[in-house]
Protein backbone atom coordinates (compact mmCIF):
# COMPACT_ATOMS: atom_id res chain seq x y z
CA MET A 1 0.00 0.00 0.00
CA GLU A 2 3.00 2.29 0.49
CA HIS A 3 3.36 2.48 -3.29
CA GLY A 4 0.06 4.38 -3.43
CA SER A 5 0.93 6.91 -0.75
CA GLY A 6 2.21 9.61 -3.08
CA GLY A 7 5.58 9.61 -1.33
CA ARG A 8 8.99 8.13 -2.05
CA ALA A 9 7.72 4.65 -2.88
CA THR A 10 5.23 6.12 -5.34
CA GLY A 11 7.97 8.12 -7.02
CA GLU A 12 10.19 5.07 -7.30
CA LEU A 13 7.36 3.04 -8.80
CA ILE A 14 6.71 5.72 -11.43
CA ARG A 15 10.38 6.29 -12.29
CA GLU A 16 11.55 2.68 -12.32
CA ILE A 17 8.61 1.07 -14.10
CA PHE A 18 6.53 3.60 -16.02
CA GLU A 19 8.86 6.45 -16.96
CA SER A 20 11.77 4.13 -17.82
CA GLN A 21 9.67 2.31 -20.42
CA PHE A 22 7.41 5.02 -21.84
CA ASN A 23 10.40 7.32 -22.50
CA SER A 24 8.30 10.37 -23.37
CA ASP A 25 9.72 13.88 -23.05
CA VAL A 26 6.25 15.23 -22.30
CA LEU A 27 5.49 12.62 -19.65
CA SER A 28 8.91 13.14 -18.03
CA GLU A 29 7.96 16.74 -17.21
CA MET A 30 5.63 15.22 -14.56
CA GLU A 31 3.13 18.08 -14.78
CA ASP A 32 -0.56 17.76 -13.87
CA ALA A 33 -1.57 17.91 -17.52
CA ALA A 34 0.24 17.37 -20.81
CA VAL A 35 0.52 20.24 -23.28
CA VAL A 36 1.00 18.89 -26.80
CA PRO A 37 1.03 20.39 -30.31
CA GLY A 38 -1.89 19.94 -32.66
CA ASP A 39 -4.62 21.66 -34.64
CA GLY A 40 -7.62 20.76 -36.75
CA THR A 41 -10.39 18.30 -35.89
CA ILE A 42 -9.68 16.29 -32.75
CA ALA A 43 -10.93 12.79 -31.94
CA MET A 44 -10.97 11.70 -28.30
CA THR A 45 -11.77 8.40 -26.60
CA THR A 46 -11.47 6.72 -23.24
CA ASP A 47 -11.63 3.11 -22.10
CA SER A 48 -10.98 0.87 -19.10
CA PHE A 49 -9.41 -2.59 -19.14
CA VAL A 50 -10.11 -5.28 -16.57
CA VAL A 51 -9.27 -8.52 -18.37
CA THR A 52 -8.47 -11.77 -16.52
CA PRO A 53 -5.93 -13.28 -16.90
CA LEU A 54 -3.60 -10.30 -17.20
CA GLU A 55 -1.35 -12.17 -19.65
CA PHE A 56 -2.52 -14.56 -22.35
CA PRO A 57 -1.20 -16.10 -25.58
CA GLY A 58 -0.58 -13.26 -28.02
CA GLY A 59 -0.81 -10.40 -25.57
CA ASP A 60 -1.58 -8.95 -22.16
CA ILE A 61 -3.60 -6.15 -20.58
CA GLY A 62 -0.85 -3.67 -21.49
CA ARG A 63 -0.90 -4.37 -25.21
CA LEU A 64 -4.66 -4.62 -25.06
CA CYS A 65 -5.19 -1.15 -23.59
CA ILE A 66 -3.03 0.54 -26.21
CA CYS A 67 -4.62 -1.37 -29.10
CA GLY A 68 -8.12 -0.72 -27.84
CA THR A 69 -7.56 3.01 -27.49
CA VAL A 70 -5.72 3.41 -30.79
CA ASN A 71 -8.34 1.40 -32.66
CA ASP A 72 -11.22 3.44 -31.27
CA LEU A 73 -9.61 6.58 -32.66
CA CYS A 74 -8.89 4.92 -36.00
CA MET A 75 -12.53 3.99 -36.46
CA ARG A 76 -13.32 7.66 -37.04
CA GLY A 77 -10.44 7.99 -39.49
CA ALA A 78 -8.28 9.81 -36.95
CA VAL A 79 -4.51 9.55 -36.75
CA PRO A 80 -3.82 8.52 -33.13
CA LYS A 81 -1.22 10.71 -31.41
CA TYR A 82 -1.45 10.82 -27.61
CA ILE A 83 -2.53 8.46 -24.85
CA THR A 84 -2.92 8.85 -21.09
CA CYS A 85 -3.09 5.88 -18.75
CA GLY A 86 -4.35 5.47 -15.21
CA PHE A 87 -3.35 2.39 -13.21
CA ILE A 88 -5.37 0.97 -10.33
CA LEU A 89 -3.18 -1.58 -8.59
CA GLU A 90 -4.53 -3.81 -5.88
CA GLU A 91 -2.36 -4.51 -2.87
CA GLY A 92 -0.27 -7.61 -3.58
CA ALA A 93 0.04 -7.00 -7.35
CA ASP A 94 3.20 -8.70 -8.61
CA VAL A 95 5.81 -6.08 -9.52
CA GLU A 96 7.46 -8.25 -12.18
CA THR A 97 4.10 -8.83 -13.85
CA LEU A 98 3.49 -5.08 -13.77
CA ARG A 99 6.94 -4.48 -15.26
CA ARG A 100 6.16 -6.84 -18.18
CA ILE A 101 2.79 -5.20 -18.76
CA VAL A 102 4.28 -1.71 -18.83
CA LYS A 103 7.03 -2.85 -21.20
CA SER A 104 4.37 -4.35 -23.46
CA MET A 105 2.46 -1.06 -23.41
CA ALA A 106 5.58 0.86 -24.41
CA GLU A 107 6.36 -1.50 -27.29
CA THR A 108 2.79 -1.42 -28.57
CA ALA A 109 2.63 2.38 -28.34
CA GLU A 110 5.81 2.59 -30.41
CA GLU A 111 4.36 0.19 -32.98
CA ALA A 112 1.16 2.25 -33.18
CA GLY A 113 3.01 5.55 -33.44
CA VAL A 114 1.51 7.11 -30.32
CA LYS A 115 3.02 8.79 -27.27
CA ILE A 116 2.00 8.08 -23.68
CA VAL A 117 2.03 11.61 -22.30
CA ALA A 118 0.30 11.51 -18.90
CA GLY A 119 -0.76 9.04 -16.27
CA ASP A 120 -1.89 8.32 -12.75
CA THR A 121 -1.39 5.48 -10.30
CA LYS A 122 -3.52 4.41 -7.36
CA VAL A 123 -2.91 1.45 -5.03
CA ILE A 124 -5.94 0.04 -3.25
CA GLU A 125 -6.70 -2.86 -0.97
CA GLY A 126 -7.39 -6.08 -2.80
CA ASN A 127 -5.96 -9.34 -4.08
CA GLY A 128 -3.29 -8.35 -6.58
CA GLY A 129 -5.41 -7.17 -9.50
CA ILE A 130 -4.25 -4.66 -12.11
CA TYR A 131 -6.67 -2.38 -13.95
CA ILE A 132 -5.88 0.27 -16.55
CA ASN A 133 -7.89 3.26 -17.77
CA THR A 134 -6.82 5.09 -20.91
CA ALA A 135 -7.72 8.19 -22.84
CA GLY A 136 -6.63 8.84 -26.39
CA VAL A 137 -6.40 11.84 -28.71
CA GLY A 138 -6.06 11.77 -32.47
CA PHE A 139 -6.43 14.19 -35.35
CA VAL A 140 -8.90 13.67 -38.18
CA PRO A 141 -7.57 14.51 -41.66
CA LYS A 142 -9.40 17.13 -43.65
CA ASP A 143 -12.47 15.89 -45.56
CA VAL A 144 -12.54 12.55 -43.69
CA ASP A 145 -16.00 11.78 -42.31
CA ILE A 146 -16.47 8.18 -41.18
CA ARG A 147 -19.57 7.33 -39.18
CA ALA A 148 -22.31 4.71 -38.95
CA LYS A 149 -24.95 6.86 -40.62
CA ASN A 150 -22.86 7.07 -43.80
CA ALA A 151 -23.65 3.48 -44.84
CA ALA A 152 -25.45 3.50 -48.19
CA ASP A 153 -27.45 1.17 -50.41
CA ASP A 154 -25.24 -1.21 -52.42
CA ASP A 155 -22.24 -0.80 -50.09
CA VAL A 156 -20.09 -3.84 -49.35
CA ILE A 157 -19.22 -5.09 -45.86
CA ILE A 158 -15.59 -6.13 -45.32
CA VAL A 159 -13.99 -7.73 -42.27
CA SER A 160 -10.22 -7.56 -41.83
CA GLY A 161 -9.71 -11.17 -40.71
CA ASN A 162 -10.80 -14.15 -38.62
CA ILE A 163 -13.45 -13.53 -35.99
CA GLY A 164 -13.49 -14.69 -32.36
CA ASP A 165 -9.76 -15.26 -31.79
CA HIS A 166 -9.31 -13.02 -28.76
CA HIS A 167 -12.45 -14.19 -26.99
CA ALA A 168 -11.53 -17.84 -27.52
CA THR A 169 -8.00 -17.22 -26.22
CA VAL A 170 -9.12 -15.56 -23.00
CA LEU A 171 -11.86 -18.11 -22.36
CA SER A 172 -9.41 -20.97 -22.98
CA GLN A 173 -7.06 -19.54 -20.38
CA ARG A 174 -9.86 -19.01 -17.88
CA MET A 175 -11.09 -22.60 -18.30
CA GLY A 176 -7.69 -24.28 -18.53
CA ILE A 177 -8.40 -25.62 -22.03
CA LYS A 178 -5.21 -26.39 -23.94
CA ASN A 179 -5.02 -25.29 -27.57
CA THR A 180 -2.88 -23.07 -29.79
CA ILE A 181 -5.41 -20.26 -30.28
CA VAL A 182 -3.70 -16.86 -30.00
CA SER A 183 -5.25 -13.46 -29.34
CA ASP A 184 -5.43 -11.11 -32.29
CA ASN A 185 -5.01 -7.92 -30.23
CA ALA A 186 -3.29 -5.46 -32.56
CA PRO A 187 -3.26 -1.77 -33.54
CA LEU A 188 -5.11 -1.14 -36.79
CA GLN A 189 -3.83 2.31 -37.72
CA GLU A 190 -1.87 1.02 -40.73
CA MET A 191 -4.86 -0.36 -42.61
CA VAL A 192 -7.04 2.66 -41.85
CA SER A 193 -4.39 5.15 -42.94
CA LYS A 194 -3.72 3.22 -46.15
CA LEU A 195 -7.41 3.09 -47.02
CA ILE A 196 -7.57 6.86 -46.64
CA GLU A 197 -4.28 7.48 -48.45
CA ASN A 198 -5.49 5.41 -51.40
CA LYS A 199 -8.65 7.51 -51.68
CA ILE A 200 -11.04 4.69 -50.74
CA PRO A 201 -14.31 6.46 -49.81
CA VAL A 202 -14.79 4.59 -46.54
CA HIS A 203 -18.32 5.13 -45.25
CA VAL A 204 -18.10 3.21 -41.96
CA LEU A 205 -15.41 1.68 -39.76
CA ARG A 206 -15.92 -0.23 -36.53
CA ASP A 207 -13.59 -2.47 -34.55
CA VAL A 208 -15.05 -5.86 -33.65
CA THR A 209 -14.73 -6.10 -29.88
CA ARG A 210 -17.20 -7.01 -27.13
CA GLY A 211 -20.42 -8.48 -28.47
CA GLY A 212 -18.72 -9.78 -31.60
CA LEU A 213 -19.39 -9.25 -35.29
CA ALA A 214 -23.15 -9.70 -35.07
CA THR A 215 -23.56 -7.05 -32.37
CA VAL A 216 -21.38 -4.57 -34.26
CA LEU A 217 -23.21 -5.03 -37.56
CA LYS A 218 -26.64 -4.92 -35.94
CA GLU A 219 -25.78 -1.62 -34.26
CA LEU A 220 -24.57 -0.22 -37.59
CA ALA A 221 -27.68 -1.43 -39.41
CA VAL A 222 -29.93 0.29 -36.86
CA ALA A 223 -27.89 3.51 -36.99
CA SER A 224 -28.08 3.61 -40.80
CA GLY A 225 -31.74 2.58 -41.08
CA LEU A 226 -30.82 0.11 -43.82
CA ARG A 227 -30.72 -3.69 -44.14
CA PHE A 228 -27.44 -5.55 -43.75
CA ASP A 229 -27.11 -8.94 -45.43
CA LEU A 230 -24.39 -11.27 -44.17
CA PHE A 231 -23.26 -14.38 -46.07
CA GLN A 232 -22.46 -17.31 -43.80
CA GLU A 233 -20.12 -19.06 -46.23
CA LYS A 234 -17.94 -15.93 -46.45
CA LEU A 235 -17.26 -15.57 -42.71
CA PRO A 236 -13.56 -16.11 -41.89
CA ILE A 237 -13.27 -18.33 -38.82
CA ASP A 238 -10.15 -20.22 -37.78
CA PRO A 239 -10.92 -23.98 -37.73
CA GLN A 240 -9.62 -24.25 -34.18
CA VAL A 241 -11.90 -21.41 -33.02
CA LYS A 242 -14.84 -23.03 -34.83
CA SER A 243 -14.15 -26.34 -33.05
CA PHE A 244 -13.76 -24.54 -29.72
CA CYS A 245 -17.14 -22.85 -30.18
CA GLY A 246 -18.75 -26.14 -31.16
CA LEU A 247 -17.36 -27.82 -28.06
CA LEU A 248 -18.78 -25.17 -25.72
CA GLY A 249 -21.96 -24.32 -27.63
CA LEU A 250 -20.77 -20.79 -28.47
CA ASP A 251 -21.56 -18.74 -31.57
CA PRO A 252 -18.50 -17.23 -33.32
CA LEU A 253 -20.67 -14.31 -34.44
CA TYR A 254 -20.81 -13.15 -30.82
CA MET A 255 -17.17 -13.83 -29.96
CA GLY A 256 -15.10 -10.68 -29.58
CA ASN A 257 -11.84 -9.62 -31.16
CA GLU A 258 -9.29 -6.94 -30.33
CA GLY A 259 -7.53 -6.61 -33.68
CA LYS A 260 -10.21 -6.76 -36.37
CA LEU A 261 -12.31 -4.12 -38.04
CA VAL A 262 -15.39 -3.91 -40.22
CA ALA A 263 -15.20 -1.52 -43.17
CA ILE A 264 -18.21 -0.52 -45.25
CA VAL A 265 -17.33 0.91 -48.65
CA PRO A 266 -19.05 1.52 -52.00
CA LYS A 267 -19.29 -1.59 -54.16
CA ASP A 268 -16.97 -0.21 -56.85
CA TYR A 269 -14.15 0.19 -54.29
CA ALA A 270 -14.58 -3.08 -52.40
CA VAL A 271 -12.02 -5.21 -54.25
CA LYS A 272 -9.37 -2.50 -53.95
CA ALA A 273 -10.14 -2.01 -50.27
CA VAL A 274 -9.68 -5.74 -49.57
CA GLU A 275 -6.37 -5.71 -51.44
CA ILE A 276 -5.15 -2.77 -49.34
CA ILE A 277 -6.16 -4.39 -46.05
CA ARG A 278 -4.58 -7.71 -47.02
CA GLY A 279 -1.34 -5.87 -47.69
CA CYS A 280 -1.20 -4.64 -44.09
CA LYS A 281 0.47 -6.42 -41.19
CA TYR A 282 -2.76 -7.60 -39.53
CA GLY A 283 -5.09 -7.93 -42.53
CA ALA A 284 -3.98 -11.09 -44.36
CA ASN A 285 -7.40 -12.78 -44.13
CA ALA A 286 -9.55 -9.78 -45.04
CA CYS A 287 -12.60 -10.57 -47.14
CA MET A 288 -16.03 -9.34 -48.24
CA ILE A 289 -18.73 -10.82 -46.05
CA GLY A 290 -21.93 -8.95 -46.83
CA ALA A 291 -23.85 -6.12 -48.44
CA VAL A 292 -25.94 -3.11 -47.48
CA ASN A 293 -29.40 -2.88 -49.04
CA LEU A 294 -32.56 -0.84 -48.86
CA PRO A 295 -35.23 -2.44 -46.65
CA GLU A 296 -37.94 -4.21 -48.63
CA ASP A 297 -40.50 -3.59 -45.89
CA ASP A 298 -40.74 -1.87 -42.50
CA GLY A 299 -39.68 -5.06 -40.73
CA GLU A 300 -36.29 -4.92 -42.41
CA ILE A 301 -35.34 -1.39 -41.35
CA GLY A 302 -32.19 -1.84 -39.30
CA ALA A 303 -32.27 -5.62 -39.82
CA LEU A 304 -29.19 -7.83 -39.89
CA ILE A 305 -29.94 -10.96 -41.90
CA MET A 306 -27.53 -13.84 -42.36
CA LYS A 307 -28.02 -15.86 -45.52
CA THR A 308 -27.14 -19.37 -44.38
CA GLU A 309 -25.17 -21.96 -46.33
CA ILE A 310 -28.32 -24.01 -46.90
CA GLY A 311 -30.27 -21.08 -48.33
CA GLY A 312 -32.15 -19.96 -45.23
CA LYS A 313 -32.33 -16.64 -43.41
CA ARG A 314 -31.33 -15.97 -39.83
CA TYR A 315 -32.22 -12.63 -38.28
CA LEU A 316 -29.42 -11.57 -35.96
CA ASP A 317 -29.70 -9.25 -32.97
CA ILE A 318 -27.23 -7.73 -30.54
CA LEU A 319 -25.73 -9.93 -27.83
CA GLN A 320 -28.20 -10.66 -25.05
CA GLY A 321 -26.92 -11.03 -21.50
CA GLU A 322 -23.28 -11.16 -20.49
CA GLY A 323 -20.69 -12.39 -22.97
CA LEU A 324 -18.46 -14.29 -20.56
CA PRO A 325 -15.63 -13.84 -19.92
CA ARG A 326 -14.74 -10.16 -19.91
CA ILE A 327 -12.30 -9.89 -22.79
CA CYS A 328 -10.92 -6.40 -22.23
C-alpha cells in the first residue's frame, strides 16, 4: 500500500517502471496535464481494461489497452497521437508482472506511433489485481467523415480477418483448455491510414470487440436505417476457433476480437479495399462478407440478416446477457 501513498515509494514506482519504459519527453515533465502540439479536428476516446488473466497467448492487458484506445480513434479515421493511462493496482500485485505489462504497453505504443504523455497510479486494498484506464487523442484529416450513418445502399461489408480469436484465447485460459489459439489484439492504424491514403471512400469503420461481429453489424444497421445482409459461407473463422465454439456451444458471431475491423465501402471500391487491407500487417485474411441494401418492408429497417449456407435466413440481434468472460 505504500506504493500508493504519493511519497517516495510512489515516485520510485513511477520512475523505475513507467517512466523508464514510456520514455516520453512530455510525460517526463511530470506536470498535472500534458501540453502537446496539434490543430484541426480532434478525436478523443477513453476506455478501461479489466481482463483476466492479465497475460494470455498473443498479448496482455498492457498491449490490449493501447490497441483498444488506438483502434477506437482509427474507427473515425483519426490519426492517433497521444494516450494517457491510469493504473489501479490492488495490494499484492506482482511487480514483475506489472513491469512486463508496462514494457508491453511501451512496445505497442511505439508500434502504433503514439506517445503516452500523462498518467496516474492508485494502489488500493485487494488481491493483486491490475486495472488500466486510458484516454486517447487523435487528429482527423481534412475531408474525412467516417460514421455509422454514412452506410449507403449497395455498399459492401468487409472484415479484416478471422473472428473470435481473442475471446476464444481468453476463455481458454480461464477454463484451462489447452489449444494453440492466439489473441489477435493489434493496432489497426496502418490499414485505416492506407485506405484513406489510397482515396477509398470509406463510409463506416468499426472495430469488432465485445459483443462480436453480429452485435457490431446490428448496431450499424440500426444507426443507418438500412438492411445488412451477411453471407455465412464468407465468414472467416479459424478452424480451431470453430471447433472450440462447437465444443462449448458458443456462436463465433458473438465472440469478440481486439484486432479486427469492419469496413463498409461503395461496391466499386470493395475489391481495392480488400487488397489494401490484405497488404497490411494484420489484414492477411480480409474478405467481403456482406452487403448493405434498402429495406424491402418496415420489418427490415435496421435488420441484420444472415443468408445461411443451406439457403435460409437468420435474423441476428445484438448480444443478449453477459458475454463471458470479460475480454478487455
